[in-house]
Amino acid sequence: MSKETALITGATGGLGMEFVKIHAQKGGNLVLVGRNPQKLAQLEHDITNKYHVKVMTIAVDFTQFDAAEEIFEKLQETNTQVDYLINNAGLGGQGSFLDRTMEQDINMAKVNMIVPTKLMKLILPQMVKRGKGHVLNVSSSAALIPGPLQAEYYATKAYLTSLSALWYELKDTGVTVTALMPGAMDTGFAKAGGLTDTKMFANGVSPQKVAEEGYQAMLDGKLNVFAGLTSWQRPFVSLMPMMPKKPTMKFVADQQSNNKKK
């Protein structure tokens, strides 16, 4: 492949790091975005030395309202062209809506919805002008159903999946938008969101396979792709939108209860 540049948010851990490795292995250059400057610097060092590709890092807090503008400004300053935009950064958090703080929920909305929307608003016009480019929005299989005890998280992922309907608007431009909808993964997400002791994450899958499937689906220009689902989850996920909402919510709440032995 030629030296396409991929901008990957949430690049320093879990699924994001897997995307970094995949793209670097193919010889592509990288713009790595994350919150922690030290982790970004270490990742830049490791990737540059191992794969000999160009790496640019941008440390930014996605809970800041102008985070996307700050990223885009640095791209402009360095004349960096983004060929692949991978909106991977995400924020979760378990708990009832009334128990969670206003700050927690607003920050989740910023990270999961506002920043990806802004980045697409800023970067897609350049892709369309060149007549090529790919966007991968890391959503979740949770986007298909309501999710008590993570109600806002499920809602933000439903938004991101629905927004990926931009695929249709861009279908004649050479630019594609893909929604990746994985199941529970064995990453730092569960720990950060207080979900490690739940049934839902009892059998979390490796993020490597999810990243591989998502990355290839992005290149193929697919609309939606499910990845990292167990054998029993695949048929269940396909049926979820047709299932009665109240029993489904009861099942989801049970899966997210803090004692996975219950």
Protein backbone atom coordinates (compact mmCIF):
# COMPACT_ATOMS: atom_id res chain seq x y z
CA MET A 1 0.00 0.00 0.00
CA SER A 2 1.09 3.59 -0.42
CA LYS A 3 1.72 5.84 2.57
CA GLU A 4 -1.90 6.55 3.49
CA THR A 5 -2.18 8.39 6.79
CA ALA A 6 -4.62 7.15 9.42
CA LEU A 7 -5.79 9.38 12.24
CA ILE A 8 -6.73 7.15 15.17
CA THR A 9 -8.34 8.49 18.33
CA GLY A 10 -7.97 6.63 21.61
CA ALA A 11 -4.76 5.22 20.16
CA THR A 12 -2.81 4.30 23.29
CA GLY A 13 -4.73 1.26 24.47
CA GLY A 14 -7.06 -1.60 23.69
CA LEU A 15 -8.75 -1.53 20.33
CA GLY A 16 -7.07 1.72 19.33
CA MET A 17 -3.58 0.26 19.71
CA GLU A 18 -4.59 -2.72 17.59
CA PHE A 19 -5.66 -0.36 14.80
CA VAL A 20 -2.30 1.39 15.13
CA LYS A 21 -0.39 -1.88 14.72
CA ILE A 22 -2.47 -3.02 11.74
CA HIS A 23 -2.00 0.22 9.86
CA ALA A 24 1.70 0.46 10.66
CA GLN A 25 2.28 -3.14 9.55
CA LYS A 26 0.89 -2.17 6.17
CA GLY A 27 3.36 0.70 5.88
CA GLY A 28 0.89 3.50 6.57
CA ASN A 29 1.71 6.71 8.43
CA LEU A 30 -0.14 7.65 11.59
CA VAL A 31 -1.64 10.50 13.55
CA LEU A 32 -2.12 9.21 17.07
CA VAL A 33 -4.59 11.04 19.30
CA GLY A 34 -5.05 10.46 23.01
CA ARG A 35 -5.15 12.14 26.41
CA ASN A 36 -1.83 11.01 27.89
CA PRO A 37 1.28 12.68 26.37
CA GLN A 38 3.64 10.15 27.96
CA LYS A 39 1.76 7.15 26.56
CA LEU A 40 1.59 8.80 23.14
CA ALA A 41 5.34 9.48 23.18
CA GLN A 42 6.10 5.88 24.12
CA LEU A 43 3.77 4.55 21.43
CA GLU A 44 5.34 6.86 18.85
CA HIS A 45 8.79 5.58 19.82
CA ASP A 46 7.74 1.92 19.65
CA ILE A 47 5.87 2.18 16.35
CA THR A 48 8.53 4.29 14.63
CA ASN A 49 11.34 1.94 15.61
CA LYS A 50 9.48 -1.25 14.73
CA TYR A 51 7.67 -0.26 11.53
CA HIS A 52 9.68 2.73 10.24
CA VAL A 53 6.61 4.82 9.44
CA LYS A 54 5.93 8.48 10.14
CA VAL A 55 4.08 9.10 13.38
CA MET A 56 2.56 12.33 14.61
CA THR A 57 0.99 12.59 18.07
CA ILE A 58 -1.68 14.95 19.37
CA ALA A 59 -2.47 15.02 23.08
CA VAL A 60 -5.94 16.36 23.72
CA ASP A 61 -8.75 15.89 26.22
CA PHE A 62 -11.95 14.94 24.37
CA THR A 63 -14.09 16.28 27.19
CA GLN A 64 -13.00 19.78 26.13
CA PHE A 65 -15.57 21.20 23.71
CA ASP A 66 -12.98 22.43 21.20
CA ALA A 67 -10.97 19.18 21.13
CA ALA A 68 -11.79 18.41 17.49
CA GLU A 69 -10.91 21.93 16.38
CA GLU A 70 -7.56 21.65 18.18
CA ILE A 71 -6.79 18.41 16.34
CA PHE A 72 -7.75 19.87 12.98
CA GLU A 73 -5.70 23.00 13.59
CA LYS A 74 -2.59 20.88 14.19
CA LEU A 75 -3.27 18.92 11.01
CA GLN A 76 -3.49 22.19 9.09
CA GLU A 77 -0.32 23.58 10.68
CA THR A 78 1.67 20.50 9.63
CA ASN A 79 -0.03 20.15 6.24
CA THR A 80 -1.06 16.61 7.22
CA GLN A 81 -3.55 14.86 4.93
CA VAL A 82 -5.82 12.31 6.60
CA ASP A 83 -6.76 9.37 4.38
CA TYR A 84 -8.37 7.19 7.06
CA LEU A 85 -10.23 8.62 10.05
CA ILE A 86 -10.78 6.04 12.78
CA ASN A 87 -13.08 7.45 15.47
CA ASN A 88 -12.16 4.92 18.12
CA ALA A 89 -12.08 6.91 21.38
CA GLY A 90 -15.05 6.15 23.59
CA LEU A 91 -16.20 6.70 27.15
CA GLY A 92 -18.44 4.33 29.07
CA GLY A 93 -19.69 4.09 32.62
CA GLN A 94 -22.10 1.90 34.50
CA GLY A 95 -24.81 3.18 36.80
CA SER A 96 -28.36 4.43 36.78
CA PHE A 97 -29.03 7.74 35.07
CA LEU A 98 -30.10 9.39 38.35
CA ASP A 99 -27.01 8.18 40.22
CA ARG A 100 -24.50 9.37 37.66
CA THR A 101 -23.37 12.98 37.80
CA MET A 102 -24.22 15.60 35.19
CA GLU A 103 -20.50 15.96 34.41
CA GLN A 104 -20.11 12.23 33.75
CA ASP A 105 -22.96 12.12 31.29
CA ILE A 106 -22.09 15.35 29.47
CA ASN A 107 -18.48 14.19 29.11
CA MET A 108 -19.70 10.91 27.65
CA ALA A 109 -21.79 12.78 25.11
CA LYS A 110 -18.78 14.90 24.14
CA VAL A 111 -16.41 11.96 23.69
CA ASN A 112 -18.83 9.54 22.02
CA MET A 113 -20.83 11.94 19.85
CA ILE A 114 -19.62 15.54 19.66
CA VAL A 115 -15.95 14.92 18.87
CA PRO A 116 -16.53 12.25 16.18
CA THR A 117 -19.17 14.47 14.58
CA LYS A 118 -16.88 17.47 14.54
CA LEU A 119 -13.93 15.49 13.18
CA MET A 120 -16.06 14.24 10.31
CA LYS A 121 -17.36 17.75 9.66
CA LEU A 122 -13.79 19.03 9.46
CA ILE A 123 -12.06 16.16 7.62
CA LEU A 124 -14.72 14.74 5.27
CA PRO A 125 -14.79 17.80 2.98
CA GLN A 126 -11.08 17.34 2.30
CA MET A 127 -11.58 13.65 1.52
CA VAL A 128 -14.45 14.41 -0.83
CA LYS A 129 -12.38 17.06 -2.58
CA ARG A 130 -9.64 14.48 -3.23
CA GLY A 131 -12.20 11.85 -4.24
CA LYS A 132 -11.03 9.21 -1.78
CA GLY A 133 -10.95 8.41 1.90
CA HIS A 134 -12.38 6.12 4.57
CA VAL A 135 -13.99 6.75 7.96
CA LEU A 136 -14.45 4.06 10.59
CA ASN A 137 -16.77 4.92 13.49
CA VAL A 138 -16.27 2.52 16.38
CA SER A 139 -19.78 2.05 17.66
CA SER A 140 -21.08 -1.03 19.48
CA SER A 141 -23.60 -3.82 19.17
CA ALA A 142 -25.20 -1.93 22.08
CA ALA A 143 -26.41 0.57 19.46
CA LEU A 144 -29.26 -1.76 18.52
CA ILE A 145 -31.14 -1.81 21.81
CA PRO A 146 -31.90 0.33 24.88
CA GLY A 147 -29.51 -0.38 27.76
CA PRO A 148 -30.61 0.27 31.33
CA LEU A 149 -27.68 0.87 33.71
CA GLN A 150 -25.75 2.25 30.74
CA ALA A 151 -28.64 4.07 29.12
CA GLU A 152 -26.66 7.03 27.83
CA TYR A 153 -23.79 4.91 26.54
CA TYR A 154 -26.18 2.80 24.49
CA ALA A 155 -27.83 5.97 23.22
CA THR A 156 -24.54 7.56 22.18
CA LYS A 157 -23.58 4.45 20.22
CA ALA A 158 -26.99 4.41 18.55
CA TYR A 159 -26.29 7.99 17.48
CA LEU A 160 -22.88 7.12 16.04
CA THR A 161 -24.25 4.12 14.15
CA SER A 162 -27.12 6.16 12.75
CA LEU A 163 -24.76 8.98 11.77
CA SER A 164 -22.81 6.48 9.69
CA ALA A 165 -25.70 6.70 7.24
CA LEU A 166 -23.38 9.30 5.74
CA TRP A 167 -22.22 6.26 3.76
CA TYR A 168 -25.25 6.79 1.51
CA GLU A 169 -24.74 10.54 1.14
CA LEU A 170 -21.13 9.94 0.09
CA LYS A 171 -21.61 6.84 -2.06
CA ASP A 172 -20.67 8.58 -5.32
CA THR A 173 -17.70 10.54 -3.94
CA GLY A 174 -15.06 7.84 -3.44
CA VAL A 175 -15.36 8.31 0.33
CA THR A 176 -16.92 5.72 2.65
CA VAL A 177 -18.18 5.70 6.24
CA THR A 178 -18.34 2.43 8.16
CA ALA A 179 -19.79 1.67 11.59
CA LEU A 180 -17.96 -1.05 13.54
CA MET A 181 -20.26 -2.69 16.08
CA PRO A 182 -18.30 -5.04 18.34
CA GLY A 183 -19.48 -7.01 21.31
CA ALA A 184 -17.79 -7.03 24.73
CA MET A 185 -14.01 -6.91 24.43
CA ASP A 186 -11.18 -7.64 26.85
CA THR A 187 -9.78 -4.11 27.02
CA GLY A 188 -9.42 -1.37 29.61
CA PHE A 189 -12.91 -0.14 28.73
CA ALA A 190 -14.64 -2.53 31.16
CA LYS A 191 -12.39 -1.52 34.05
CA ALA A 192 -12.79 2.19 33.35
CA GLY A 193 -16.56 1.81 33.16
CA GLY A 194 -16.94 -0.34 36.28
CA LEU A 195 -18.06 -3.37 34.26
CA THR A 196 -15.38 -5.97 34.97
CA ASP A 197 -17.59 -8.00 37.33
CA THR A 198 -20.60 -8.22 35.05
CA LYS A 199 -21.97 -11.10 33.02
CA MET A 200 -21.62 -9.00 29.89
CA PHE A 201 -17.84 -8.88 30.15
CA ALA A 202 -17.32 -12.38 31.54
CA ASN A 203 -16.32 -13.59 28.07
CA GLY A 204 -14.83 -10.50 26.48
CA VAL A 205 -13.02 -11.22 23.22
CA SER A 206 -9.57 -10.09 22.14
CA PRO A 207 -9.58 -6.65 20.50
CA GLN A 208 -7.08 -7.83 17.85
CA LYS A 209 -9.63 -9.77 15.82
CA VAL A 210 -12.18 -6.98 16.16
CA ALA A 211 -9.65 -4.46 14.86
CA GLU A 212 -8.71 -6.68 11.92
CA GLU A 213 -12.33 -7.17 10.88
CA GLY A 214 -13.17 -3.50 11.36
CA TYR A 215 -10.13 -2.24 9.48
CA GLN A 216 -10.83 -4.50 6.49
CA ALA A 217 -14.52 -3.57 6.48
CA MET A 218 -13.47 0.10 6.37
CA LEU A 219 -11.24 -0.52 3.35
CA ASP A 220 -14.03 -2.47 1.68
CA GLY A 221 -16.42 0.44 2.22
CA LYS A 222 -19.01 -1.56 4.14
CA LEU A 223 -21.82 0.23 5.97
CA ASN A 224 -22.09 -1.79 9.20
CA VAL A 225 -19.95 -4.63 10.47
CA PHE A 226 -20.38 -6.78 13.58
CA ALA A 227 -17.18 -8.18 15.09
CA GLY A 228 -15.97 -9.99 18.18
CA LEU A 229 -19.25 -11.72 18.93
CA THR A 230 -19.43 -15.20 20.44
CA SER A 231 -21.32 -17.96 18.61
CA TRP A 232 -24.48 -17.43 20.68
CA GLN A 233 -24.31 -13.64 20.43
CA ARG A 234 -24.35 -13.46 16.62
CA PRO A 235 -27.92 -14.71 16.08
CA PHE A 236 -29.08 -12.82 19.18
CA VAL A 237 -27.68 -9.52 17.88
CA SER A 238 -29.36 -9.94 14.51
CA LEU A 239 -32.71 -10.44 16.25
CA MET A 240 -32.35 -7.70 18.88
CA PRO A 241 -34.09 -4.90 16.97
CA MET A 242 -37.17 -7.10 16.53
CA MET A 243 -37.41 -8.26 20.15
CA PRO A 244 -39.93 -6.73 22.61
CA LYS A 245 -38.28 -3.81 24.35
CA LYS A 246 -39.24 -4.48 27.97
CA PRO A 247 -37.94 -8.09 28.14
CA THR A 248 -34.85 -6.98 26.26
CA MET A 249 -34.17 -4.22 28.79
CA LYS A 250 -34.56 -6.71 31.64
CA PHE A 251 -32.01 -9.01 29.99
CA VAL A 252 -29.56 -6.16 29.40
CA ALA A 253 -29.91 -4.90 32.98
CA ASP A 254 -29.19 -8.39 34.27
CA GLN A 255 -26.10 -8.68 32.07
CA GLN A 256 -24.80 -5.40 33.48
CA SER A 257 -25.44 -6.11 37.14
CA ASN A 258 -22.29 -5.91 39.23
CA ASN A 259 -22.34 -9.55 40.32
CA LYS A 260 -21.81 -11.81 37.31
CA LYS A 261 -22.65 -14.89 39.40
CA LYS A 262 -26.27 -13.82 39.84
